[in-house]
PDB file of N, CA and C in Angstrom:
ATOM      1  N   GLN A   1      -1.147  39.432   9.759  1.00  0.00           N
ATOM      2  CA  GLN A   1      -1.614  38.917   7.888  1.00  0.00           C
ATOM      3  C   GLN A   1      -2.305  40.082   7.421  1.00  0.00           C
ATOM      4  N   VAL A   2      -3.208  40.670   8.039  1.00  0.00           N
ATOM      5  CA  VAL A   2      -4.142  41.689   8.133  1.00  0.00           C
ATOM      6  C   VAL A   2      -4.358  42.688   8.948  1.00  0.00           C
ATOM      7  N   GLN A   3      -3.995  43.976   8.378  1.00  0.00           N
ATOM      8  CA  GLN A   3      -4.082  45.086   9.966  1.00  0.00           C
ATOM      9  C   GLN A   3      -5.374  45.851   9.715  1.00  0.00           C
ATOM     10  N   LEU A   4      -5.838  46.466  10.408  1.00  0.00           N
ATOM     11  CA  LEU A   4      -7.171  47.033  10.231  1.00  0.00           C
ATOM     12  C   LEU A   4      -6.587  48.463  11.144  1.00  0.00           C
ATOM     13  N   VAL A   5      -6.656  49.567  10.761  1.00  0.00           N
ATOM     14  CA  VAL A   5      -6.401  50.974  11.232  1.00  0.00           C
ATOM     15  C   VAL A   5      -7.267  51.904  11.151  1.00  0.00           C
ATOM     16  N   GLU A   6      -8.015  52.214  12.520  1.00  0.00           N
ATOM     17  CA  GLU A   6      -9.367  53.161  12.572  1.00  0.00           C
ATOM     18  C   GLU A   6      -8.997  54.558  13.096  1.00  0.00           C
ATOM     19  N   SER A   7      -9.651  55.387  12.200  1.00  0.00           N
ATOM     20  CA  SER A   7      -9.228  56.989  13.018  1.00  0.00           C
ATOM     21  C   SER A   7     -10.620  57.523  12.965  1.00  0.00           C
ATOM     22  N   GLY A   8     -10.483  58.903  13.323  1.00  0.00           N
ATOM     23  CA  GLY A   8     -11.712  59.490  13.335  1.00  0.00           C
ATOM     24  C   GLY A   8     -12.959  59.755  14.637  1.00  0.00           C
ATOM     25  N   GLY A   9     -12.459  58.988  15.501  1.00  0.00           N
ATOM     26  CA  GLY A   9     -13.062  59.119  16.799  1.00  0.00           C
ATOM     27  C   GLY A   9     -13.005  60.578  17.319  1.00  0.00           C
ATOM     28  N   GLY A  10     -13.616  60.432  18.401  1.00  0.00           N
ATOM     29  CA  GLY A  10     -13.360  61.907  19.182  1.00  0.00           C
ATOM     30  C   GLY A  10     -14.607  62.073  20.133  1.00  0.00           C
ATOM     31  N   PHE A  11     -14.799  63.427  20.659  1.00  0.00           N
ATOM     32  CA  PHE A  11     -15.242  63.912  21.666  1.00  0.00           C
ATOM     33  C   PHE A  11     -16.560  64.941  20.680  1.00  0.00           C
ATOM     34  N   VAL A  12     -17.862  64.459  20.922  1.00  0.00           N
ATOM     35  CA  VAL A  12     -18.567  65.255  20.493  1.00  0.00           C
ATOM     36  C   VAL A  12     -20.072  65.945  20.868  1.00  0.00           C
ATOM     37  N   GLN A  13     -20.324  67.096  20.949  1.00  0.00           N
ATOM     38  CA  GLN A  13     -21.810  66.900  21.611  1.00  0.00           C
ATOM     39  C   GLN A  13     -22.845  66.524  20.827  1.00  0.00           C
ATOM     40  N   ALA A  14     -23.919  66.211  21.637  1.00  0.00           N
ATOM     41  CA  ALA A  14     -25.404  65.489  21.168  1.00  0.00           C
ATOM     42  C   ALA A  14     -26.098  65.980  20.041  1.00  0.00           C
ATOM     43  N   GLY A  15     -25.953  65.436  18.728  1.00  0.00           N
ATOM     44  CA  GLY A  15     -26.762  66.197  17.563  1.00  0.00           C
ATOM     45  C   GLY A  15     -25.632  66.460  16.604  1.00  0.00           C
ATOM     46  N   GLY A  16     -24.080  66.219  17.189  1.00  0.00           N
ATOM     47  CA  GLY A  16     -23.256  66.820  16.193  1.00  0.00           C
ATOM     48  C   GLY A  16     -22.901  65.222  15.589  1.00  0.00           C
ATOM     49  N   SER A  17     -22.267  64.963  14.525  1.00  0.00           N
ATOM     50  CA  SER A  17     -21.430  64.074  13.582  1.00  0.00           C
ATOM     51  C   SER A  17     -19.945  64.362  13.662  1.00  0.00           C
ATOM     52  N   LEU A  18     -19.717  62.820  13.600  1.00  0.00           N
ATOM     53  CA  LEU A  18     -18.287  62.346  13.232  1.00  0.00           C
ATOM     54  C   LEU A  18     -17.979  61.611  11.987  1.00  0.00           C
ATOM     55  N   ARG A  19     -17.036  61.183  11.626  1.00  0.00           N
ATOM     56  CA  ARG A  19     -16.811  60.289  10.298  1.00  0.00           C
ATOM     57  C   ARG A  19     -15.857  59.265  10.695  1.00  0.00           C
ATOM     58  N   LEU A  20     -15.853  58.279  10.713  1.00  0.00           N
ATOM     59  CA  LEU A  20     -14.951  57.182  11.331  1.00  0.00           C
ATOM     60  C   LEU A  20     -14.204  57.007   9.986  1.00  0.00           C
ATOM     61  N   SER A  21     -12.913  56.239   9.987  1.00  0.00           N
ATOM     62  CA  SER A  21     -12.428  55.569   8.622  1.00  0.00           C
ATOM     63  C   SER A  21     -11.424  54.712   9.329  1.00  0.00           C
ATOM     64  N   CYS A  22     -11.630  53.237   8.193  1.00  0.00           N
ATOM     65  CA  CYS A  22     -10.952  52.267   8.334  1.00  0.00           C
ATOM     66  C   CYS A  22      -9.955  51.825   7.173  1.00  0.00           C
ATOM     67  N   VAL A  23      -8.756  51.402   7.267  1.00  0.00           N
ATOM     68  CA  VAL A  23      -8.409  50.840   6.325  1.00  0.00           C
ATOM     69  C   VAL A  23      -7.472  49.680   6.318  1.00  0.00           C
ATOM     70  N   ALA A  24      -7.801  48.919   5.530  1.00  0.00           N
ATOM     71  CA  ALA A  24      -7.436  47.229   5.761  1.00  0.00           C
ATOM     72  C   ALA A  24      -6.071  47.046   4.970  1.00  0.00           C
ATOM     73  N   SER A  25      -4.890  46.665   5.506  1.00  0.00           N
ATOM     74  CA  SER A  25      -3.493  46.360   4.729  1.00  0.00           C
ATOM     75  C   SER A  25      -3.192  44.899   4.887  1.00  0.00           C
ATOM     76  N   GLY A  26      -2.387  44.589   4.134  1.00  0.00           N
ATOM     77  CA  GLY A  26      -1.432  42.919   4.377  1.00  0.00           C
ATOM     78  C   GLY A  26      -2.018  42.024   3.154  1.00  0.00           C
ATOM     79  N   SER A  27      -2.051  40.968   3.945  1.00  0.00           N
ATOM     80  CA  SER A  27      -2.152  39.847   2.471  1.00  0.00           C
ATOM     81  C   SER A  27      -3.590  39.455   2.530  1.00  0.00           C
ATOM     82  N   ILE A  28      -4.196  40.233   1.487  1.00  0.00           N
ATOM     83  CA  ILE A  28      -5.754  40.635   1.114  1.00  0.00           C
ATOM     84  C   ILE A  28      -5.795  40.000  -0.083  1.00  0.00           C
ATOM     85  N   PHE A  29      -6.576  39.164  -0.337  1.00  0.00           N
ATOM     86  CA  PHE A  29      -7.089  38.999  -1.230  1.00  0.00           C
ATOM     87  C   PHE A  29      -8.333  39.695  -2.098  1.00  0.00           C
ATOM     88  N   ASP A  30      -9.058  39.311  -1.454  1.00  0.00           N
ATOM     89  CA  ASP A  30     -10.372  40.205  -1.713  1.00  0.00           C
ATOM     90  C   ASP A  30     -10.734  40.320  -0.183  1.00  0.00           C
ATOM     91  N   ILE A  31     -11.873  41.305  -0.138  1.00  0.00           N
ATOM     92  CA  ILE A  31     -12.492  41.860   1.240  1.00  0.00           C
ATOM     93  C   ILE A  31     -13.988  41.357   0.798  1.00  0.00           C
ATOM     94  N   ASN A  32     -14.278  40.478   1.650  1.00  0.00           N
ATOM     95  CA  ASN A  32     -15.916  40.336   1.232  1.00  0.00           C
ATOM     96  C   ASN A  32     -17.046  40.916   1.928  1.00  0.00           C
ATOM     97  N   VAL A  33     -16.744  41.442   3.301  1.00  0.00           N
ATOM     98  CA  VAL A  33     -17.478  42.204   4.227  1.00  0.00           C
ATOM     99  C   VAL A  33     -16.540  43.386   5.364  1.00  0.00           C
ATOM    100  N   MET A  34     -17.081  44.403   5.153  1.00  0.00           N
ATOM    101  CA  MET A  34     -16.436  45.559   6.004  1.00  0.00           C
ATOM    102  C   MET A  34     -17.479  45.800   6.903  1.00  0.00           C
ATOM    103  N   ALA A  35     -17.204  45.895   8.105  1.00  0.00           N
ATOM    104  CA  ALA A  35     -18.732  46.174   9.162  1.00  0.00           C
ATOM    105  C   ALA A  35     -18.192  47.135  10.327  1.00  0.00           C
ATOM    106  N   TRP A  36     -18.737  47.713  11.013  1.00  0.00           N
ATOM    107  CA  TRP A  36     -18.614  48.393  12.010  1.00  0.00           C
ATOM    108  C   TRP A  36     -19.022  48.131  12.823  1.00  0.00           C
ATOM    109  N   TYR A  37     -18.501  47.909  14.310  1.00  0.00           N
ATOM    110  CA  TYR A  37     -19.394  47.195  15.688  1.00  0.00           C
ATOM    111  C   TYR A  37     -19.075  48.805  16.890  1.00  0.00           C
ATOM    112  N   ARG A  38     -19.929  48.270  17.955  1.00  0.00           N
ATOM    113  CA  ARG A  38     -19.075  49.078  18.827  1.00  0.00           C
ATOM    114  C   ARG A  38     -19.713  48.466  20.291  1.00  0.00           C
ATOM    115  N   ARG A  39     -18.736  49.030  21.575  1.00  0.00           N
ATOM    116  CA  ARG A  39     -19.138  48.501  22.724  1.00  0.00           C
ATOM    117  C   ARG A  39     -19.052  49.703  23.583  1.00  0.00           C
ATOM    118  N   ALA A  40     -19.950  49.580  23.863  1.00  0.00           N
ATOM    119  CA  ALA A  40     -20.450  51.029  24.921  1.00  0.00           C
ATOM    120  C   ALA A  40     -19.926  50.359  26.592  1.00  0.00           C
ATOM    121  N   PRO A  41     -19.812  51.059  27.396  1.00  0.00           N
ATOM    122  CA  PRO A  41     -19.513  50.657  28.651  1.00  0.00           C
ATOM    123  C   PRO A  41     -20.112  50.003  29.531  1.00  0.00           C
ATOM    124  N   GLY A  42     -20.129  48.902  29.980  1.00  0.00           N
ATOM    125  CA  GLY A  42     -20.593  47.864  30.750  1.00  0.00           C
ATOM    126  C   GLY A  42     -21.687  46.479  29.640  1.00  0.00           C
ATOM    127  N   GLN A  43     -21.368  46.995  28.307  1.00  0.00           N
ATOM    128  CA  GLN A  43     -22.302  46.380  27.276  1.00  0.00           C
ATOM    129  C   GLN A  43     -21.592  45.422  26.825  1.00  0.00           C
ATOM    130  N   GLN A  44     -22.250  44.541  25.980  1.00  0.00           N
ATOM    131  CA  GLN A  44     -21.514  43.746  24.540  1.00  0.00           C
ATOM    132  C   GLN A  44     -21.520  44.193  23.503  1.00  0.00           C
ATOM    133  N   ARG A  45     -20.296  43.840  22.753  1.00  0.00           N
ATOM    134  CA  ARG A  45     -20.336  44.201  21.444  1.00  0.00           C
ATOM    135  C   ARG A  45     -21.494  44.212  20.809  1.00  0.00           C
ATOM    136  N   GLU A  46     -21.703  45.158  19.695  1.00  0.00           N
ATOM    137  CA  GLU A  46     -23.039  44.904  18.881  1.00  0.00           C
ATOM    138  C   GLU A  46     -22.605  45.561  17.855  1.00  0.00           C
ATOM    139  N   SER A  47     -23.352  44.897  16.471  1.00  0.00           N
ATOM    140  CA  SER A  47     -22.760  45.309  15.057  1.00  0.00           C
ATOM    141  C   SER A  47     -23.819  46.499  15.183  1.00  0.00           C
ATOM    142  N   VAL A  48     -22.818  47.617  14.307  1.00  0.00           N
ATOM    143  CA  VAL A  48     -23.706  48.936  13.746  1.00  0.00           C
ATOM    144  C   VAL A  48     -23.847  48.753  12.253  1.00  0.00           C
ATOM    145  N   ALA A  49     -23.117  48.940  11.582  1.00  0.00           N
ATOM    146  CA  ALA A  49     -23.813  48.757  10.017  1.00  0.00           C
ATOM    147  C   ALA A  49     -22.389  47.854   9.226  1.00  0.00           C
ATOM    148  N   ARG A  50     -23.362  47.147   8.258  1.00  0.00           N
ATOM    149  CA  ARG A  50     -22.246  46.351   7.437  1.00  0.00           C
ATOM    150  C   ARG A  50     -22.109  46.619   6.208  1.00  0.00           C
ATOM    151  N   SER A  51     -21.454  46.523   4.931  1.00  0.00           N
ATOM    152  CA  SER A  51     -21.156  46.621   3.580  1.00  0.00           C
ATOM    153  C   SER A  51     -20.889  45.353   3.084  1.00  0.00           C
ATOM    154  N   TYR A  52     -21.499  44.862   1.981  1.00  0.00           N
ATOM    155  CA  TYR A  52     -21.095  43.427   1.488  1.00  0.00           C
ATOM    156  C   TYR A  52     -20.520  44.054   0.280  1.00  0.00           C
ATOM    157  N   ASN A  53     -19.770  43.047  -0.434  1.00  0.00           N
ATOM    158  CA  ASN A  53     -19.077  42.945  -1.669  1.00  0.00           C
ATOM    159  C   ASN A  53     -20.341  43.358  -2.877  1.00  0.00           C
ATOM    160  N   ASP A  54     -21.660  42.650  -2.578  1.00  0.00           N
ATOM    161  CA  ASP A  54     -22.754  43.054  -3.501  1.00  0.00           C
ATOM    162  C   ASP A  54     -23.156  44.254  -3.459  1.00  0.00           C
ATOM    163  N   GLY A  55     -22.751  45.142  -2.318  1.00  0.00           N
ATOM    164  CA  GLY A  55     -23.333  46.561  -2.050  1.00  0.00           C
ATOM    165  C   GLY A  55     -24.055  46.906  -1.558  1.00  0.00           C
ATOM    166  N   THR A  56     -24.932  45.745  -0.506  1.00  0.00           N
ATOM    167  CA  THR A  56     -25.614  45.497  -0.016  1.00  0.00           C
ATOM    168  C   THR A  56     -24.922  46.101   1.207  1.00  0.00           C
ATOM    169  N   THR A  57     -26.246  46.967   2.318  1.00  0.00           N
ATOM    170  CA  THR A  57     -25.587  47.328   3.427  1.00  0.00           C
ATOM    171  C   THR A  57     -26.574  47.391   4.537  1.00  0.00           C
ATOM    172  N   ASN A  58     -26.298  46.809   5.775  1.00  0.00           N
ATOM    173  CA  ASN A  58     -27.263  46.985   6.634  1.00  0.00           C
ATOM    174  C   ASN A  58     -27.160  47.492   8.210  1.00  0.00           C
ATOM    175  N   TYR A  59     -27.764  48.008   8.440  1.00  0.00           N
ATOM    176  CA  TYR A  59     -27.655  48.944   9.801  1.00  0.00           C
ATOM    177  C   TYR A  59     -28.491  48.267  11.202  1.00  0.00           C
ATOM    178  N   ALA A  60     -27.674  48.546  12.373  1.00  0.00           N
ATOM    179  CA  ALA A  60     -28.481  48.305  13.470  1.00  0.00           C
ATOM    180  C   ALA A  60     -29.898  49.506  13.455  1.00  0.00           C
ATOM    181  N   ASP A  61     -31.052  48.684  13.840  1.00  0.00           N
ATOM    182  CA  ASP A  61     -32.047  49.794  14.242  1.00  0.00           C
ATOM    183  C   ASP A  61     -31.962  51.096  14.972  1.00  0.00           C
ATOM    184  N   SER A  62     -30.928  50.850  15.870  1.00  0.00           N
ATOM    185  CA  SER A  62     -30.543  52.139  16.331  1.00  0.00           C
ATOM    186  C   SER A  62     -30.093  53.371  15.621  1.00  0.00           C
ATOM    187  N   VAL A  63     -29.426  52.954  14.330  1.00  0.00           N
ATOM    188  CA  VAL A  63     -28.688  54.187  13.937  1.00  0.00           C
ATOM    189  C   VAL A  63     -29.504  54.188  12.445  1.00  0.00           C
ATOM    190  N   LYS A  64     -30.445  53.777  12.191  1.00  0.00           N
ATOM    191  CA  LYS A  64     -30.926  53.506  11.050  1.00  0.00           C
ATOM    192  C   LYS A  64     -31.164  55.231  10.523  1.00  0.00           C
ATOM    193  N   GLY A  65     -30.998  55.581   9.518  1.00  0.00           N
ATOM    194  CA  GLY A  65     -31.460  56.721   9.161  1.00  0.00           C
ATOM    195  C   GLY A  65     -30.360  58.283   9.510  1.00  0.00           C
ATOM    196  N   ARG A  66     -29.429  57.874  10.262  1.00  0.00           N
ATOM    197  CA  ARG A  66     -28.623  58.532  11.165  1.00  0.00           C
ATOM    198  C   ARG A  66     -27.154  58.328  10.814  1.00  0.00           C
ATOM    199  N   PHE A  67     -26.620  56.734  10.225  1.00  0.00           N
ATOM    200  CA  PHE A  67     -25.172  56.805  10.304  1.00  0.00           C
ATOM    201  C   PHE A  67     -25.405  56.243   8.717  1.00  0.00           C
ATOM    202  N   THR A  68     -24.444  56.131   8.148  1.00  0.00           N
ATOM    203  CA  THR A  68     -24.078  55.723   6.651  1.00  0.00           C
ATOM    204  C   THR A  68     -22.563  55.121   6.620  1.00  0.00           C
ATOM    205  N   ILE A  69     -22.807  53.792   6.203  1.00  0.00           N
ATOM    206  CA  ILE A  69     -21.361  53.145   5.639  1.00  0.00           C
ATOM    207  C   ILE A  69     -21.140  53.252   4.415  1.00  0.00           C
ATOM    208  N   SER A  70     -19.758  53.217   4.138  1.00  0.00           N
ATOM    209  CA  SER A  70     -19.500  53.431   2.595  1.00  0.00           C
ATOM    210  C   SER A  70     -17.957  52.868   2.473  1.00  0.00           C
ATOM    211  N   ARG A  71     -17.881  52.016   1.166  1.00  0.00           N
ATOM    212  CA  ARG A  71     -16.381  51.497   1.071  1.00  0.00           C
ATOM    213  C   ARG A  71     -15.549  52.164  -0.243  1.00  0.00           C
ATOM    214  N   ASP A  72     -14.768  52.206  -0.030  1.00  0.00           N
ATOM    215  CA  ASP A  72     -13.435  52.488  -1.129  1.00  0.00           C
ATOM    216  C   ASP A  72     -12.627  51.128  -1.564  1.00  0.00           C
ATOM    217  N   ASN A  73     -13.301  50.690  -2.220  1.00  0.00           N
ATOM    218  CA  ASN A  73     -12.816  49.085  -2.441  1.00  0.00           C
ATOM    219  C   ASN A  73     -11.036  49.410  -3.198  1.00  0.00           C
ATOM    220  N   ALA A  74     -10.958  50.529  -3.762  1.00  0.00           N
ATOM    221  CA  ALA A  74      -9.357  50.579  -4.396  1.00  0.00           C
ATOM    222  C   ALA A  74      -8.249  50.827  -3.320  1.00  0.00           C
ATOM    223  N   LYS A  75      -8.780  51.282  -2.056  1.00  0.00           N
ATOM    224  CA  LYS A  75      -8.204  51.685  -0.994  1.00  0.00           C
ATOM    225  C   LYS A  75      -8.247  50.829   0.101  1.00  0.00           C
ATOM    226  N   ASN A  76      -9.199  49.574  -0.239  1.00  0.00           N
ATOM    227  CA  ASN A  76      -9.658  48.938   0.843  1.00  0.00           C
ATOM    228  C   ASN A  76     -10.017  49.629   2.293  1.00  0.00           C
ATOM    229  N   ALA A  77     -10.737  50.381   2.220  1.00  0.00           N
ATOM    230  CA  ALA A  77     -11.426  51.132   3.304  1.00  0.00           C
ATOM    231  C   ALA A  77     -12.643  51.154   3.719  1.00  0.00           C
ATOM    232  N   VAL A  78     -13.473  51.272   4.331  1.00  0.00           N
ATOM    233  CA  VAL A  78     -14.564  51.696   4.782  1.00  0.00           C
ATOM    234  C   VAL A  78     -14.672  52.804   5.714  1.00  0.00           C
ATOM    235  N   TYR A  79     -15.760  53.326   5.829  1.00  0.00           N
ATOM    236  CA  TYR A  79     -16.157  54.835   6.656  1.00  0.00           C
ATOM    237  C   TYR A  79     -17.693  54.421   7.130  1.00  0.00           C
ATOM    238  N   LEU A  80     -17.548  55.119   8.531  1.00  0.00           N
ATOM    239  CA  LEU A  80     -18.862  55.260   8.852  1.00  0.00           C
ATOM    240  C   LEU A  80     -19.246  57.127   9.289  1.00  0.00           C
ATOM    241  N   GLN A  81     -20.161  57.284   8.503  1.00  0.00           N
ATOM    242  CA  GLN A  81     -20.377  58.718   8.898  1.00  0.00           C
ATOM    243  C   GLN A  81     -21.458  58.564   9.538  1.00  0.00           C
ATOM    244  N   MET A  82     -21.222  59.567  10.930  1.00  0.00           N
ATOM    245  CA  MET A  82     -22.385  59.361  11.984  1.00  0.00           C
ATOM    246  C   MET A  82     -22.872  60.611  12.168  1.00  0.00           C
ATOM    247  N   ASN A  83     -24.042  60.798  11.992  1.00  0.00           N
ATOM    248  CA  ASN A  83     -24.864  62.179  12.388  1.00  0.00           C
ATOM    249  C   ASN A  83     -25.730  62.302  13.521  1.00  0.00           C
ATOM    250  N   SER A  84     -26.366  63.360  14.157  1.00  0.00           N
ATOM    251  CA  SER A  84     -27.259  63.319  14.863  1.00  0.00           C
ATOM    252  C   SER A  84     -26.979  62.520  16.048  1.00  0.00           C
ATOM    253  N   LEU A  85     -25.987  62.368  16.453  1.00  0.00           N
ATOM    254  CA  LEU A  85     -25.473  61.664  17.782  1.00  0.00           C
ATOM    255  C   LEU A  85     -25.899  61.853  18.612  1.00  0.00           C
ATOM    256  N   LYS A  86     -26.036  60.952  19.548  1.00  0.00           N
ATOM    257  CA  LYS A  86     -26.842  60.686  20.627  1.00  0.00           C
ATOM    258  C   LYS A  86     -25.846  59.988  21.762  1.00  0.00           C
ATOM    259  N   ALA A  87     -26.003  60.287  23.169  1.00  0.00           N
ATOM    260  CA  ALA A  87     -25.325  60.165  24.297  1.00  0.00           C
ATOM    261  C   ALA A  87     -25.014  58.610  24.297  1.00  0.00           C
ATOM    262  N   GLU A  88     -26.268  57.869  23.881  1.00  0.00           N
ATOM    263  CA  GLU A  88     -26.104  56.268  24.166  1.00  0.00           C
ATOM    264  C   GLU A  88     -24.837  56.005  22.432  1.00  0.00           C
ATOM    265  N   GLY A  89     -24.213  56.563  22.152  1.00  0.00           N
ATOM    266  CA  GLY A  89     -23.856  56.352  21.063  1.00  0.00           C
ATOM    267  C   GLY A  89     -22.318  56.514  21.413  1.00  0.00           C
ATOM    268  N   THR A  90     -21.976  56.950  22.562  1.00  0.00           N
ATOM    269  CA  THR A  90     -20.739  56.669  23.365  1.00  0.00           C
ATOM    270  C   THR A  90     -20.173  55.155  23.378  1.00  0.00           C
ATOM    271  N   ALA A  91     -19.105  55.005  22.500  1.00  0.00           N
ATOM    272  CA  ALA A  91     -18.553  53.754  22.933  1.00  0.00           C
ATOM    273  C   ALA A  91     -17.208  53.378  22.221  1.00  0.00           C
ATOM    274  N   VAL A  92     -16.585  52.644  22.251  1.00  0.00           N
ATOM    275  CA  VAL A  92     -15.511  52.079  21.019  1.00  0.00           C
ATOM    276  C   VAL A  92     -16.005  51.623  20.229  1.00  0.00           C
ATOM    277  N   TYR A  93     -15.526  52.194  19.320  1.00  0.00           N
ATOM    278  CA  TYR A  93     -16.002  51.494  17.955  1.00  0.00           C
ATOM    279  C   TYR A  93     -14.864  50.874  17.261  1.00  0.00           C
ATOM    280  N   TYR A  94     -15.357  49.562  16.829  1.00  0.00           N
ATOM    281  CA  TYR A  94     -14.199  48.666  15.745  1.00  0.00           C
ATOM    282  C   TYR A  94     -14.577  48.514  14.347  1.00  0.00           C
ATOM    283  N   CYS A  95     -13.376  48.423  13.869  1.00  0.00           N
ATOM    284  CA  CYS A  95     -13.737  47.921  12.499  1.00  0.00           C
ATOM    285  C   CYS A  95     -13.358  46.081  12.240  1.00  0.00           C
ATOM    286  N   ASN A  96     -14.236  45.807  11.201  1.00  0.00           N
ATOM    287  CA  ASN A  96     -13.839  44.639  11.358  1.00  0.00           C
ATOM    288  C   ASN A  96     -14.198  44.112   9.803  1.00  0.00           C
ATOM    289  N   ALA A  97     -13.196  43.322   9.224  1.00  0.00           N
ATOM    290  CA  ALA A  97     -13.250  42.998   7.750  1.00  0.00           C
ATOM    291  C   ALA A  97     -13.200  41.357   7.815  1.00  0.00           C
ATOM    292  N   VAL A  98     -13.675  40.919   7.091  1.00  0.00           N
ATOM    293  CA  VAL A  98     -13.871  39.329   6.367  1.00  0.00           C
ATOM    294  C   VAL A  98     -13.437  39.648   5.046  1.00  0.00           C
ATOM    295  N   VAL A  99     -12.091  38.677   5.585  1.00  0.00           N
ATOM    296  CA  VAL A  99     -11.045  38.681   4.410  1.00  0.00           C
ATOM    297  C   VAL A  99     -10.766  37.353   3.809  1.00  0.00           C
ATOM    298  N   THR A 100     -10.615  37.366   2.414  1.00  0.00           N
ATOM    299  CA  THR A 100      -9.838  36.265   1.743  1.00  0.00           C
ATOM    300  C   THR A 100      -8.548  36.700   1.743  1.00  0.00           C
ATOM    301  N   THR A 101      -7.653  35.876   2.466  1.00  0.00           N
ATOM    302  CA  THR A 101      -6.100  36.340   1.987  1.00  0.00           C
ATOM    303  C   THR A 101      -5.609  35.484   0.659  1.00  0.00           C
ATOM    304  N   THR A 102      -4.194  35.976   1.111  1.00  0.00           N
ATOM    305  CA  THR A 102      -3.815  35.676  -0.386  1.00  0.00           C
ATOM    306  C   THR A 102      -3.346  34.128  -0.221  1.00  0.00           C
ATOM    307  N   SER A 103      -3.669  33.219   1.007  1.00  0.00           N
ATOM    308  CA  SER A 103      -3.603  32.123   0.942  1.00  0.00           C
ATOM    309  C   SER A 103      -5.004  31.429   0.824  1.00  0.00           C
ATOM    310  N   LYS A 104      -5.885  32.242   0.439  1.00  0.00           N
ATOM    311  CA  LYS A 104      -7.280  31.681   0.130  1.00  0.00           C
ATOM    312  C   LYS A 104      -7.768  31.653   1.131  1.00  0.00           C
ATOM    313  N   TYR A 105      -7.858  31.735   2.390  1.00  0.00           N
ATOM    314  CA  TYR A 105      -8.183  31.495   3.766  1.00  0.00           C
ATOM    315  C   TYR A 105      -8.994  32.577   3.714  1.00  0.00           C
ATOM    316  N   VAL A 106     -10.459  32.593   4.406  1.00  0.00           N
ATOM    317  CA  VAL A 106     -11.233  33.308   4.641  1.00  0.00           C
ATOM    318  C   VAL A 106     -11.234  33.436   6.232  1.00  0.00           C
ATOM    319  N   GLN A 107     -11.034  34.832   6.803  1.00  0.00           N
ATOM    320  CA  GLN A 107     -10.858  35.058   8.192  1.00  0.00           C
ATOM    321  C   GLN A 107     -11.362  36.386   8.457  1.00  0.00           C
ATOM    322  N   SER A 108     -11.694  36.560   9.861  1.00  0.00           N
ATOM    323  CA  SER A 108     -11.995  37.816  10.193  1.00  0.00           C
ATOM    324  C   SER A 108     -11.220  38.721  10.803  1.00  0.00           C
ATOM    325  N   PHE A 109     -10.836  39.772  10.480  1.00  0.00           N
ATOM    326  CA  PHE A 109      -9.938  40.641  11.396  1.00  0.00           C
ATOM    327  C   PHE A 109     -10.504  41.857  12.086  1.00  0.00           C
ATOM    328  N   TRP A 110      -9.839  42.369  12.845  1.00  0.00           N
ATOM    329  CA  TRP A 110     -10.477  43.435  13.803  1.00  0.00           C
ATOM    330  C   TRP A 110      -9.646  44.832  13.924  1.00  0.00           C
ATOM    331  N   GLY A 111      -9.906  45.858  14.077  1.00  0.00           N
ATOM    332  CA  GLY A 111      -9.011  47.065  14.525  1.00  0.00           C
ATOM    333  C   GLY A 111      -9.160  47.204  15.805  1.00  0.00           C
ATOM    334  N   GLN A 112      -8.279  47.803  15.997  1.00  0.00           N
ATOM    335  CA  GLN A 112      -7.888  48.324  17.558  1.00  0.00           C
ATOM    336  C   GLN A 112      -8.909  49.123  18.578  1.00  0.00           C
ATOM    337  N   GLY A 113      -9.815  49.652  17.742  1.00  0.00           N
ATOM    338  CA  GLY A 113     -10.889  50.271  18.620  1.00  0.00           C
ATOM    339  C   GLY A 113     -10.474  52.078  18.525  1.00  0.00           C
ATOM    340  N   THR A 114     -11.712  52.731  18.491  1.00  0.00           N
ATOM    341  CA  THR A 114     -11.824  54.184  18.624  1.00  0.00           C
ATOM    342  C   THR A 114     -12.888  54.379  19.200  1.00  0.00           C
ATOM    343  N   GLN A 115     -12.156  55.578  20.017  1.00  0.00           N
ATOM    344  CA  GLN A 115     -13.133  55.952  21.337  1.00  0.00           C
ATOM    345  C   GLN A 115     -14.051  57.446  20.784  1.00  0.00           C
ATOM    346  N   VAL A 116     -15.326  56.796  20.616  1.00  0.00           N
ATOM    347  CA  VAL A 116     -16.475  58.228  20.468  1.00  0.00           C
ATOM    348  C   VAL A 116     -16.953  58.572  21.746  1.00  0.00           C
ATOM    349  N   THR A 117     -16.954  59.930  22.111  1.00  0.00           N
ATOM    350  CA  THR A 117     -17.630  60.031  23.035  1.00  0.00           C
ATOM    351  C   THR A 117     -18.808  61.395  23.137  1.00  0.00           C
ATOM    352  N   VAL A 118     -20.049  61.051  23.064  1.00  0.00           N
ATOM    353  CA  VAL A 118     -20.971  62.129  22.803  1.00  0.00           C
ATOM    354  C   VAL A 118     -21.627  62.507  24.230  1.00  0.00           C
ATOM    355  N   SER A 119     -21.576  64.056  24.244  1.00  0.00           N
ATOM    356  CA  SER A 119     -21.815  64.570  25.490  1.00  0.00           C
ATOM    357  C   SER A 119     -23.444  65.076  25.365  1.00  0.00           C
ATOM    358  N   SER A 120     -24.128  65.015  25.927  1.00  0.00           N
ATOM    359  CA  SER A 120     -25.365  65.315  25.907  1.00  0.00           C
ATOM    360  C   SER A 120     -25.759  66.640  26.670  1.00  0.00           C
TER     361      SER A 120
END
């Protein structure tokens, strides 16, 4: 129904920057929330940043001041600019979207994940 495709992961040294992108496509009527999550090795998935339709954003305390989430509604895209990366930022990053589909159901969809590795 709805597909999310992420890109932009990779390998970076501590203190460096990366920008993740995610584009949603498919049976989309409206996208209510777009967000980024991550799962570090041996840990549970955690919320990193969220962007709501009213323009509100929120961030995990661990990334405040370093990460910025932004959206391009015309492209059904969300981005995560990650600056001053730390080794503990090594994780698989997942894009999530809460979508009102063309059938008017509200559903949550996930991307396949993109690996970010931060070397100390």
